[in-house]
């Protein structure tokens, strides 16, 4: 899991440099979803370290399912933010919503 942390830090630094000094190329737009997944893995690792493995995995899964469900309800009903949709920039769309939202 420590390797994932280093990959995340590298991914973050490259993305930060591109956004600050240049422009993120269109062919690299998939990086947004990948960033969210790597970030979630690092946060889960911290939860595992401080709360114990079982508790960290359970809480991560509950938070992911809850986040995805709430966002799905908001998108399908339009309440409270109004109607909006996602573009495939965040990669895998499930029922019109990126799966990576669960990792956010």
PDB file of N, CA and C in Angstrom:
ATOM      1  N   UNK A   1       0.814  -1.198   0.000  1.00  0.00           N
ATOM      2  CA  UNK A   1       0.000   0.000   0.000  1.00  0.00           C
ATOM      3  C   UNK A   1       0.856   1.260   0.000  1.00  0.00           C
ATOM      4  N   UNK A   2       2.062   1.154   0.513  1.00  0.00           N
ATOM      5  CA  UNK A   2       2.937   2.320   0.520  1.00  0.00           C
ATOM      6  C   UNK A   2       3.287   2.754  -0.890  1.00  0.00           C
ATOM      7  N   UNK A   3       3.348   1.803  -1.820  1.00  0.00           N
ATOM      8  CA  UNK A   3       3.628   2.148  -3.214  1.00  0.00           C
ATOM      9  C   UNK A   3       2.508   2.998  -3.794  1.00  0.00           C
ATOM     10  N   UNK A   4       1.272   2.697  -3.411  1.00  0.00           N
ATOM     11  CA  UNK A   4       0.142   3.499  -3.878  1.00  0.00           C
ATOM     12  C   UNK A   4       0.282   4.929  -3.398  1.00  0.00           C
ATOM     13  N   UNK A   5       0.779   5.109  -2.185  1.00  0.00           N
ATOM     14  CA  UNK A   5       0.983   6.455  -1.656  1.00  0.00           C
ATOM     15  C   UNK A   5       1.998   7.228  -2.495  1.00  0.00           C
ATOM     16  N   UNK A   6       3.063   6.570  -2.877  1.00  0.00           N
ATOM     17  CA  UNK A   6       4.079   7.238  -3.692  1.00  0.00           C
ATOM     18  C   UNK A   6       3.561   7.529  -5.086  1.00  0.00           C
ATOM     19  N   UNK A   7       2.780   6.614  -5.636  1.00  0.00           N
ATOM     20  CA  UNK A   7       2.177   6.856  -6.949  1.00  0.00           C
ATOM     21  C   UNK A   7       1.228   8.046  -6.862  1.00  0.00           C
ATOM     22  N   UNK A   8       0.445   8.117  -5.784  1.00  0.00           N
ATOM     23  CA  UNK A   8      -0.468   9.238  -5.588  1.00  0.00           C
ATOM     24  C   UNK A   8       0.286  10.563  -5.504  1.00  0.00           C
ATOM     25  N   UNK A   9       1.350  10.604  -4.734  1.00  0.00           N
ATOM     26  CA  UNK A   9       2.129  11.837  -4.586  1.00  0.00           C
ATOM     27  C   UNK A   9       2.702  12.258  -5.940  1.00  0.00           C
ATOM     28  N   UNK A  10       3.249  11.319  -6.683  1.00  0.00           N
ATOM     29  CA  UNK A  10       3.776  11.631  -8.015  1.00  0.00           C
ATOM     30  C   UNK A  10       2.689  12.120  -8.953  1.00  0.00           C
ATOM     31  N   UNK A  11       1.553  11.429  -8.941  1.00  0.00           N
ATOM     32  CA  UNK A  11       0.411  11.798  -9.784  1.00  0.00           C
ATOM     33  C   UNK A  11      -0.061  13.211  -9.441  1.00  0.00           C
ATOM     34  N   UNK A  12      -0.131  13.489  -8.147  1.00  0.00           N
ATOM     35  CA  UNK A  12      -0.569  14.797  -7.663  1.00  0.00           C
ATOM     36  C   UNK A  12       0.389  15.897  -8.120  1.00  0.00           C
ATOM     37  N   UNK A  13       1.689  15.669  -7.958  1.00  0.00           N
ATOM     38  CA  UNK A  13       2.672  16.689  -8.320  1.00  0.00           C
ATOM     39  C   UNK A  13       2.680  16.976  -9.823  1.00  0.00           C
ATOM     40  N   UNK A  14       2.588  15.932 -10.631  1.00  0.00           N
ATOM     41  CA  UNK A  14       2.545  16.136 -12.083  1.00  0.00           C
ATOM     42  C   UNK A  14       1.277  16.906 -12.461  1.00  0.00           C
ATOM     43  N   UNK A  15       0.141  16.512 -11.887  1.00  0.00           N
ATOM     44  CA  UNK A  15      -1.107  17.212 -12.169  1.00  0.00           C
ATOM     45  C   UNK A  15      -1.068  18.660 -11.720  1.00  0.00           C
ATOM     46  N   UNK A  16      -0.487  18.910 -10.560  1.00  0.00           N
ATOM     47  CA  UNK A  16      -0.376  20.273 -10.054  1.00  0.00           C
ATOM     48  C   UNK A  16       0.477  21.132 -10.983  1.00  0.00           C
ATOM     49  N   UNK A  17       1.604  20.597 -11.423  1.00  0.00           N
ATOM     50  CA  UNK A  17       2.479  21.333 -12.332  1.00  0.00           C
ATOM     51  C   UNK A  17       1.773  21.636 -13.660  1.00  0.00           C
ATOM     52  N   UNK A  18       1.043  20.656 -14.178  1.00  0.00           N
ATOM     53  CA  UNK A  18       0.325  20.878 -15.433  1.00  0.00           C
ATOM     54  C   UNK A  18      -0.737  21.962 -15.274  1.00  0.00           C
ATOM     55  N   UNK A  19      -1.473  21.913 -14.171  1.00  0.00           N
ATOM     56  CA  UNK A  19      -2.556  22.888 -13.983  1.00  0.00           C
ATOM     57  C   UNK A  19      -2.040  24.289 -13.694  1.00  0.00           C
ATOM     58  N   UNK A  20      -0.926  24.403 -12.997  1.00  0.00           N
ATOM     59  CA  UNK A  20      -0.405  25.717 -12.630  1.00  0.00           C
ATOM     60  C   UNK A  20       0.367  26.359 -13.784  1.00  0.00           C
ATOM     61  N   UNK A  21       1.240  25.612 -14.420  1.00  0.00           N
ATOM     62  CA  UNK A  21       2.137  26.191 -15.409  1.00  0.00           C
ATOM     63  C   UNK A  21       1.740  25.954 -16.859  1.00  0.00           C
ATOM     64  N   UNK A  22       0.950  24.949 -17.114  1.00  0.00           N
ATOM     65  CA  UNK A  22       0.594  24.606 -18.489  1.00  0.00           C
ATOM     66  C   UNK A  22      -0.910  24.418 -18.577  1.00  0.00           C
ATOM     67  N   UNK A  23      -1.307  23.471 -19.374  1.00  0.00           N
ATOM     68  CA  UNK A  23      -2.711  23.096 -19.499  1.00  0.00           C
ATOM     69  C   UNK A  23      -2.768  21.573 -19.568  1.00  0.00           C
ATOM     70  N   UNK A  24      -3.751  20.989 -18.926  1.00  0.00           N
ATOM     71  CA  UNK A  24      -3.888  19.535 -18.954  1.00  0.00           C
ATOM     72  C   UNK A  24      -4.381  19.149 -20.347  1.00  0.00           C
ATOM     73  N   UNK A  25      -3.609  18.318 -21.074  1.00  0.00           N
ATOM     74  CA  UNK A  25      -4.027  17.926 -22.422  1.00  0.00           C
ATOM     75  C   UNK A  25      -5.304  17.086 -22.394  1.00  0.00           C
ATOM     76  N   UNK A  26      -6.034  17.142 -23.478  1.00  0.00           N
ATOM     77  CA  UNK A  26      -7.300  16.413 -23.582  1.00  0.00           C
ATOM     78  C   UNK A  26      -7.083  14.915 -23.381  1.00  0.00           C
ATOM     79  N   UNK A  27      -6.000  14.374 -23.919  1.00  0.00           N
ATOM     80  CA  UNK A  27      -5.757  12.936 -23.815  1.00  0.00           C
ATOM     81  C   UNK A  27      -5.435  12.510 -22.381  1.00  0.00           C
ATOM     82  N   UNK A  28      -5.230  13.462 -21.488  1.00  0.00           N
ATOM     83  CA  UNK A  28      -4.905  13.149 -20.093  1.00  0.00           C
ATOM     84  C   UNK A  28      -6.073  13.440 -19.143  1.00  0.00           C
ATOM     85  N   UNK A  29      -7.265  13.673 -19.684  1.00  0.00           N
ATOM     86  CA  UNK A  29      -8.423  13.978 -18.849  1.00  0.00           C
ATOM     87  C   UNK A  29      -8.839  12.806 -17.954  1.00  0.00           C
ATOM     88  N   UNK A  30      -8.497  11.592 -18.337  1.00  0.00           N
ATOM     89  CA  UNK A  30      -8.814  10.428 -17.504  1.00  0.00           C
ATOM     90  C   UNK A  30      -8.127  10.504 -16.150  1.00  0.00           C
ATOM     91  N   UNK A  31      -7.114  11.331 -16.026  1.00  0.00           N
ATOM     92  CA  UNK A  31      -6.333  11.421 -14.797  1.00  0.00           C
ATOM     93  C   UNK A  31      -7.170  11.892 -13.614  1.00  0.00           C
ATOM     94  N   UNK A  32      -8.258  12.611 -13.866  1.00  0.00           N
ATOM     95  CA  UNK A  32      -9.110  13.072 -12.772  1.00  0.00           C
ATOM     96  C   UNK A  32      -9.697  11.903 -11.984  1.00  0.00           C
ATOM     97  N   UNK A  33     -10.247  10.942 -12.690  1.00  0.00           N
ATOM     98  CA  UNK A  33     -10.815   9.777 -12.026  1.00  0.00           C
ATOM     99  C   UNK A  33      -9.753   8.935 -11.342  1.00  0.00           C
ATOM    100  N   UNK A  34      -8.615   8.794 -11.986  1.00  0.00           N
ATOM    101  CA  UNK A  34      -7.518   8.031 -11.399  1.00  0.00           C
ATOM    102  C   UNK A  34      -7.025   8.697 -10.119  1.00  0.00           C
ATOM    103  N   UNK A  35      -6.968  10.027 -10.122  1.00  0.00           N
ATOM    104  CA  UNK A  35      -6.574  10.774  -8.933  1.00  0.00           C
ATOM    105  C   UNK A  35      -7.504  10.465  -7.764  1.00  0.00           C
ATOM    106  N   UNK A  36      -8.812  10.457  -8.004  1.00  0.00           N
ATOM    107  CA  UNK A  36      -9.769  10.181  -6.930  1.00  0.00           C
ATOM    108  C   UNK A  36      -9.596   8.775  -6.355  1.00  0.00           C
ATOM    109  N   UNK A  37      -9.342   7.811  -7.216  1.00  0.00           N
ATOM    110  CA  UNK A  37      -9.155   6.430  -6.738  1.00  0.00           C
ATOM    111  C   UNK A  37      -7.873   6.320  -5.915  1.00  0.00           C
ATOM    112  N   UNK A  38      -6.783   6.899  -6.393  1.00  0.00           N
ATOM    113  CA  UNK A  38      -5.525   6.855  -5.635  1.00  0.00           C
ATOM    114  C   UNK A  38      -5.658   7.586  -4.294  1.00  0.00           C
ATOM    115  N   UNK A  39      -6.355   8.714  -4.306  1.00  0.00           N
ATOM    116  CA  UNK A  39      -6.575   9.471  -3.079  1.00  0.00           C
ATOM    117  C   UNK A  39      -7.361   8.639  -2.067  1.00  0.00           C
ATOM    118  N   UNK A  40      -8.405   7.969  -2.533  1.00  0.00           N
ATOM    119  CA  UNK A  40      -9.213   7.129  -1.647  1.00  0.00           C
ATOM    120  C   UNK A  40      -8.387   5.986  -1.062  1.00  0.00           C
ATOM    121  N   UNK A  41      -7.500   5.407  -1.858  1.00  0.00           N
ATOM    122  CA  UNK A  41      -6.633   4.335  -1.353  1.00  0.00           C
ATOM    123  C   UNK A  41      -5.709   4.850  -0.251  1.00  0.00           C
ATOM    124  N   UNK A  42      -5.190   6.046  -0.411  1.00  0.00           N
ATOM    125  CA  UNK A  42      -4.306   6.619   0.617  1.00  0.00           C
ATOM    126  C   UNK A  42      -5.073   6.937   1.893  1.00  0.00           C
ATOM    127  N   UNK A  43      -6.279   7.470   1.752  1.00  0.00           N
ATOM    128  CA  UNK A  43      -7.095   7.774   2.930  1.00  0.00           C
ATOM    129  C   UNK A  43      -7.480   6.485   3.653  1.00  0.00           C
ATOM    130  N   UNK A  44      -7.807   5.448   2.887  1.00  0.00           N
ATOM    131  CA  UNK A  44      -8.142   4.170   3.509  1.00  0.00           C
ATOM    132  C   UNK A  44      -6.937   3.606   4.258  1.00  0.00           C
ATOM    133  N   UNK A  45      -5.770   3.816   3.706  1.00  0.00           N
ATOM    134  CA  UNK A  45      -4.541   3.366   4.381  1.00  0.00           C
ATOM    135  C   UNK A  45      -4.360   4.089   5.707  1.00  0.00           C
ATOM    136  N   UNK A  46      -4.644   5.384   5.734  1.00  0.00           N
ATOM    137  CA  UNK A  46      -4.578   6.122   6.989  1.00  0.00           C
ATOM    138  C   UNK A  46      -5.612   5.613   7.987  1.00  0.00           C
ATOM    139  N   UNK A  47      -6.817   5.341   7.506  1.00  0.00           N
ATOM    140  CA  UNK A  47      -7.860   4.805   8.385  1.00  0.00           C
ATOM    141  C   UNK A  47      -7.444   3.451   8.936  1.00  0.00           C
ATOM    142  N   UNK A  48      -6.815   2.648   8.092  1.00  0.00           N
ATOM    143  CA  UNK A  48      -6.334   1.332   8.523  1.00  0.00           C
ATOM    144  C   UNK A  48      -5.273   1.482   9.610  1.00  0.00           C
ATOM    145  N   UNK A  49      -4.404   2.460   9.459  1.00  0.00           N
ATOM    146  CA  UNK A  49      -3.324   2.678  10.419  1.00  0.00           C
ATOM    147  C   UNK A  49      -3.859   3.126  11.771  1.00  0.00           C
ATOM    148  N   UNK A  50      -4.825   4.049  11.759  1.00  0.00           N
ATOM    149  CA  UNK A  50      -5.281   4.640  13.006  1.00  0.00           C
ATOM    150  C   UNK A  50      -6.489   3.957  13.638  1.00  0.00           C
ATOM    151  N   UNK A  51      -7.285   3.213  12.839  1.00  0.00           N
ATOM    152  CA  UNK A  51      -8.500   2.608  13.386  1.00  0.00           C
ATOM    153  C   UNK A  51      -8.500   1.086  13.351  1.00  0.00           C
ATOM    154  N   UNK A  52      -7.527   0.491  12.759  1.00  0.00           N
ATOM    155  CA  UNK A  52      -7.516  -0.957  12.611  1.00  0.00           C
ATOM    156  C   UNK A  52      -8.052  -1.344  11.246  1.00  0.00           C
ATOM    157  N   UNK A  53      -7.605  -2.452  10.711  1.00  0.00           N
ATOM    158  CA  UNK A  53      -7.922  -2.822   9.342  1.00  0.00           C
ATOM    159  C   UNK A  53      -9.410  -3.026   9.092  1.00  0.00           C
ATOM    160  N   UNK A  54     -10.081  -3.800   9.930  1.00  0.00           N
ATOM    161  CA  UNK A  54     -11.490  -4.080   9.696  1.00  0.00           C
ATOM    162  C   UNK A  54     -12.333  -2.813   9.749  1.00  0.00           C
ATOM    163  N   UNK A  55     -12.091  -1.992  10.729  1.00  0.00           N
ATOM    164  CA  UNK A  55     -12.857  -0.773  10.880  1.00  0.00           C
ATOM    165  C   UNK A  55     -12.617   0.179   9.711  1.00  0.00           C
ATOM    166  N   UNK A  56     -11.387   0.276   9.247  1.00  0.00           N
ATOM    167  CA  UNK A  56     -11.073   1.148   8.124  1.00  0.00           C
ATOM    168  C   UNK A  56     -11.746   0.711   6.841  1.00  0.00           C
ATOM    169  N   UNK A  57     -11.732  -0.579   6.553  1.00  0.00           N
ATOM    170  CA  UNK A  57     -12.356  -1.103   5.343  1.00  0.00           C
ATOM    171  C   UNK A  57     -13.867  -0.930   5.413  1.00  0.00           C
ATOM    172  N   UNK A  58     -14.463  -1.244   6.556  1.00  0.00           N
ATOM    173  CA  UNK A  58     -15.913  -1.114   6.694  1.00  0.00           C
ATOM    174  C   UNK A  58     -16.355   0.331   6.550  1.00  0.00           C
ATOM    175  N   UNK A  59     -15.673   1.232   7.205  1.00  0.00           N
ATOM    176  CA  UNK A  59     -16.049   2.645   7.111  1.00  0.00           C
ATOM    177  C   UNK A  59     -15.830   3.188   5.712  1.00  0.00           C
ATOM    178  N   UNK A  60     -14.772   2.767   5.064  1.00  0.00           N
ATOM    179  CA  UNK A  60     -14.528   3.210   3.692  1.00  0.00           C
ATOM    180  C   UNK A  60     -15.639   2.732   2.759  1.00  0.00           C
ATOM    181  N   UNK A  61     -16.026   1.480   2.910  1.00  0.00           N
ATOM    182  CA  UNK A  61     -17.094   0.930   2.068  1.00  0.00           C
ATOM    183  C   UNK A  61     -18.422   1.633   2.336  1.00  0.00           C
ATOM    184  N   UNK A  62     -18.735   1.848   3.593  1.00  0.00           N
ATOM    185  CA  UNK A  62     -19.989   2.533   3.941  1.00  0.00           C
ATOM    186  C   UNK A  62     -19.985   3.959   3.387  1.00  0.00           C
ATOM    187  N   UNK A  63     -18.885   4.670   3.553  1.00  0.00           N
ATOM    188  CA  UNK A  63     -18.802   6.042   3.049  1.00  0.00           C
ATOM    189  C   UNK A  63     -18.934   6.077   1.528  1.00  0.00           C
ATOM    190  N   UNK A  64     -18.303   5.131   0.838  1.00  0.00           N
ATOM    191  CA  UNK A  64     -18.390   5.084  -0.621  1.00  0.00           C
ATOM    192  C   UNK A  64     -19.798   4.806  -1.109  1.00  0.00           C
ATOM    193  N   UNK A  65     -20.461   3.834  -0.511  1.00  0.00           N
ATOM    194  CA  UNK A  65     -21.832   3.491  -0.908  1.00  0.00           C
ATOM    195  C   UNK A  65     -22.775   4.650  -0.587  1.00  0.00           C
ATOM    196  N   UNK A  66     -22.619   5.249   0.577  1.00  0.00           N
ATOM    197  CA  UNK A  66     -23.470   6.367   0.967  1.00  0.00           C
ATOM    198  C   UNK A  66     -23.275   7.571   0.034  1.00  0.00           C
ATOM    199  N   UNK A  67     -22.041   7.891  -0.271  1.00  0.00           N
ATOM    200  CA  UNK A  67     -21.753   9.002  -1.176  1.00  0.00           C
ATOM    201  C   UNK A  67     -22.346   8.774  -2.557  1.00  0.00           C
ATOM    202  N   UNK A  68     -22.151   7.567  -3.085  1.00  0.00           N
ATOM    203  CA  UNK A  68     -22.672   7.245  -4.408  1.00  0.00           C
ATOM    204  C   UNK A  68     -24.193   7.312  -4.421  1.00  0.00           C
ATOM    205  N   UNK A  69     -24.834   6.792  -3.377  1.00  0.00           N
ATOM    206  CA  UNK A  69     -26.296   6.784  -3.308  1.00  0.00           C
ATOM    207  C   UNK A  69     -26.861   8.200  -3.230  1.00  0.00           C
ATOM    208  N   UNK A  70     -26.294   9.019  -2.364  1.00  0.00           N
ATOM    209  CA  UNK A  70     -26.775  10.397  -2.243  1.00  0.00           C
ATOM    210  C   UNK A  70     -26.605  11.141  -3.559  1.00  0.00           C
ATOM    211  N   UNK A  71     -25.472  10.990  -4.199  1.00  0.00           N
ATOM    212  CA  UNK A  71     -25.239  11.678  -5.475  1.00  0.00           C
ATOM    213  C   UNK A  71     -26.195  11.168  -6.546  1.00  0.00           C
ATOM    214  N   UNK A  72     -26.491   9.884  -6.547  1.00  0.00           N
ATOM    215  CA  UNK A  72     -27.424   9.317  -7.516  1.00  0.00           C
ATOM    216  C   UNK A  72     -28.820   9.902  -7.312  1.00  0.00           C
ATOM    217  N   UNK A  73     -29.249  10.015  -6.061  1.00  0.00           N
ATOM    218  CA  UNK A  73     -30.562  10.603  -5.768  1.00  0.00           C
ATOM    219  C   UNK A  73     -30.610  12.055  -6.230  1.00  0.00           C
ATOM    220  N   UNK A  74     -29.549  12.811  -5.983  1.00  0.00           N
ATOM    221  CA  UNK A  74     -29.499  14.217  -6.395  1.00  0.00           C
ATOM    222  C   UNK A  74     -29.580  14.331  -7.915  1.00  0.00           C
ATOM    223  N   UNK A  75     -28.877  13.465  -8.631  1.00  0.00           N
ATOM    224  CA  UNK A  75     -28.885  13.535 -10.096  1.00  0.00           C
ATOM    225  C   UNK A  75     -30.237  13.121 -10.663  1.00  0.00           C
ATOM    226  N   UNK A  76     -30.848  12.097 -10.116  1.00  0.00           N
ATOM    227  CA  UNK A  76     -32.113  11.629 -10.676  1.00  0.00           C
ATOM    228  C   UNK A  76     -33.287  12.535 -10.318  1.00  0.00           C
ATOM    229  N   UNK A  77     -33.266  13.165  -9.145  1.00  0.00           N
ATOM    230  CA  UNK A  77     -34.386  14.026  -8.748  1.00  0.00           C
ATOM    231  C   UNK A  77     -34.132  15.501  -9.032  1.00  0.00           C
ATOM    232  N   UNK A  78     -32.884  15.910  -9.093  1.00  0.00           N
ATOM    233  CA  UNK A  78     -32.568  17.306  -9.287  1.00  0.00           C
ATOM    234  C   UNK A  78     -32.639  18.125  -8.014  1.00  0.00           C
ATOM    235  N   UNK A  79     -32.928  17.473  -6.897  1.00  0.00           N
ATOM    236  CA  UNK A  79     -33.024  18.187  -5.615  1.00  0.00           C
ATOM    237  C   UNK A  79     -31.738  18.027  -4.833  1.00  0.00           C
ATOM    238  N   UNK A  80     -31.159  18.994  -4.286  1.00  0.00           N
ATOM    239  CA  UNK A  80     -31.530  20.401  -4.148  1.00  0.00           C
ATOM    240  C   UNK A  80     -30.802  21.319  -5.130  1.00  0.00           C
ATOM    241  N   UNK A  81     -29.958  20.787  -6.004  1.00  0.00           N
ATOM    242  CA  UNK A  81     -29.111  21.634  -6.851  1.00  0.00           C
ATOM    243  C   UNK A  81     -29.652  21.869  -8.243  1.00  0.00           C
ATOM    244  N   UNK A  82     -30.730  21.225  -8.605  1.00  0.00           N
ATOM    245  CA  UNK A  82     -31.238  21.326  -9.967  1.00  0.00           C
ATOM    246  C   UNK A  82     -30.641  20.241 -10.850  1.00  0.00           C
ATOM    247  N   UNK A  83     -31.072  20.214 -12.090  1.00  0.00           N
ATOM    248  CA  UNK A  83     -30.636  19.162 -13.013  1.00  0.00           C
ATOM    249  C   UNK A  83     -29.209  19.419 -13.499  1.00  0.00           C
ATOM    250  N   UNK A  84     -28.416  18.399 -13.482  1.00  0.00           N
ATOM    251  CA  UNK A  84     -27.073  18.429 -14.062  1.00  0.00           C
ATOM    252  C   UNK A  84     -26.653  17.013 -14.381  1.00  0.00           C
ATOM    253  N   UNK A  85     -25.617  16.879 -15.172  1.00  0.00           N
ATOM    254  CA  UNK A  85     -25.106  15.556 -15.508  1.00  0.00           C
ATOM    255  C   UNK A  85     -23.591  15.616 -15.597  1.00  0.00           C
ATOM    256  N   UNK A  86     -22.998  14.437 -15.661  1.00  0.00           N
ATOM    257  CA  UNK A  86     -21.547  14.320 -15.725  1.00  0.00           C
ATOM    258  C   UNK A  86     -21.110  13.958 -17.123  1.00  0.00           C
ATOM    259  N   UNK A  87     -19.950  14.467 -17.498  1.00  0.00           N
ATOM    260  CA  UNK A  87     -19.342  14.070 -18.754  1.00  0.00           C
ATOM    261  C   UNK A  87     -18.426  12.883 -18.478  1.00  0.00           C
ATOM    262  N   UNK A  88     -18.121  12.091 -19.489  1.00  0.00           N
ATOM    263  CA  UNK A  88     -17.306  10.894 -19.266  1.00  0.00           C
ATOM    264  C   UNK A  88     -15.853  11.181 -18.898  1.00  0.00           C
ATOM    265  N   UNK A  89     -15.520  12.411 -18.541  1.00  0.00           N
ATOM    266  CA  UNK A  89     -14.154  12.767 -18.165  1.00  0.00           C
ATOM    267  C   UNK A  89     -13.678  11.972 -16.948  1.00  0.00           C
ATOM    268  N   UNK A  90     -14.581  11.652 -16.040  1.00  0.00           N
ATOM    269  CA  UNK A  90     -14.211  10.917 -14.837  1.00  0.00           C
ATOM    270  C   UNK A  90     -14.260   9.406 -15.049  1.00  0.00           C
ATOM    271  N   UNK A  91     -14.285   8.980 -16.263  1.00  0.00           N
ATOM    272  CA  UNK A  91     -14.151   7.603 -16.721  1.00  0.00           C
ATOM    273  C   UNK A  91     -15.452   6.815 -16.576  1.00  0.00           C
ATOM    274  N   UNK A  92     -15.520   5.793 -15.776  1.00  0.00           N
ATOM    275  CA  UNK A  92     -16.613   4.823 -15.771  1.00  0.00           C
ATOM    276  C   UNK A  92     -17.923   5.437 -15.284  1.00  0.00           C
ATOM    277  N   UNK A  93     -18.908   5.545 -16.186  1.00  0.00           N
ATOM    278  CA  UNK A  93     -20.221   6.058 -15.813  1.00  0.00           C
ATOM    279  C   UNK A  93     -21.151   4.904 -15.481  1.00  0.00           C
ATOM    280  N   UNK A  94     -21.806   4.971 -14.334  1.00  0.00           N
ATOM    281  CA  UNK A  94     -22.799   3.987 -13.921  1.00  0.00           C
ATOM    282  C   UNK A  94     -24.089   4.759 -13.693  1.00  0.00           C
ATOM    283  N   UNK A  95     -25.122   4.440 -14.449  1.00  0.00           N
ATOM    284  CA  UNK A  95     -26.399   5.160 -14.426  1.00  0.00           C
ATOM    285  C   UNK A  95     -26.194   6.661 -14.604  1.00  0.00           C
ATOM    286  N   UNK A  96     -25.281   7.052 -15.479  1.00  0.00           N
ATOM    287  CA  UNK A  96     -25.038   8.453 -15.769  1.00  0.00           C
ATOM    288  C   UNK A  96     -24.151   9.177 -14.766  1.00  0.00           C
ATOM    289  N   UNK A  97     -23.594   8.446 -13.836  1.00  0.00           N
ATOM    290  CA  UNK A  97     -22.774   9.044 -12.798  1.00  0.00           C
ATOM    291  C   UNK A  97     -21.431   8.314 -12.719  1.00  0.00           C
ATOM    292  N   UNK A  98     -20.341   9.047 -12.556  1.00  0.00           N
ATOM    293  CA  UNK A  98     -19.029   8.397 -12.474  1.00  0.00           C
ATOM    294  C   UNK A  98     -18.894   7.513 -11.231  1.00  0.00           C
ATOM    295  N   UNK A  99     -18.384   6.340 -11.425  1.00  0.00           N
ATOM    296  CA  UNK A  99     -18.143   5.434 -10.299  1.00  0.00           C
ATOM    297  C   UNK A  99     -17.131   6.035  -9.328  1.00  0.00           C
ATOM    298  N   UNK A 100     -16.262   6.891  -9.825  1.00  0.00           N
ATOM    299  CA  UNK A 100     -15.240   7.486  -8.977  1.00  0.00           C
ATOM    300  C   UNK A 100     -15.818   8.433  -7.922  1.00  0.00           C
ATOM    301  N   UNK A 101     -17.083   8.822  -8.055  1.00  0.00           N
ATOM    302  CA  UNK A 101     -17.728   9.650  -7.030  1.00  0.00           C
ATOM    303  C   UNK A 101     -17.740   8.906  -5.699  1.00  0.00           C
ATOM    304  N   UNK A 102     -17.878   7.604  -5.739  1.00  0.00           N
ATOM    305  CA  UNK A 102     -17.847   6.811  -4.494  1.00  0.00           C
ATOM    306  C   UNK A 102     -16.489   6.932  -3.803  1.00  0.00           C
ATOM    307  N   UNK A 103     -15.446   7.133  -4.580  1.00  0.00           N
ATOM    308  CA  UNK A 103     -14.110   7.281  -3.993  1.00  0.00           C
ATOM    309  C   UNK A 103     -13.855   8.695  -3.490  1.00  0.00           C
ATOM    310  N   UNK A 104     -14.618   9.646  -4.004  1.00  0.00           N
ATOM    311  CA  UNK A 104     -14.425  11.040  -3.606  1.00  0.00           C
ATOM    312  C   UNK A 104     -14.794  11.208  -2.147  1.00  0.00           C
TER     313      UNK A 104
END
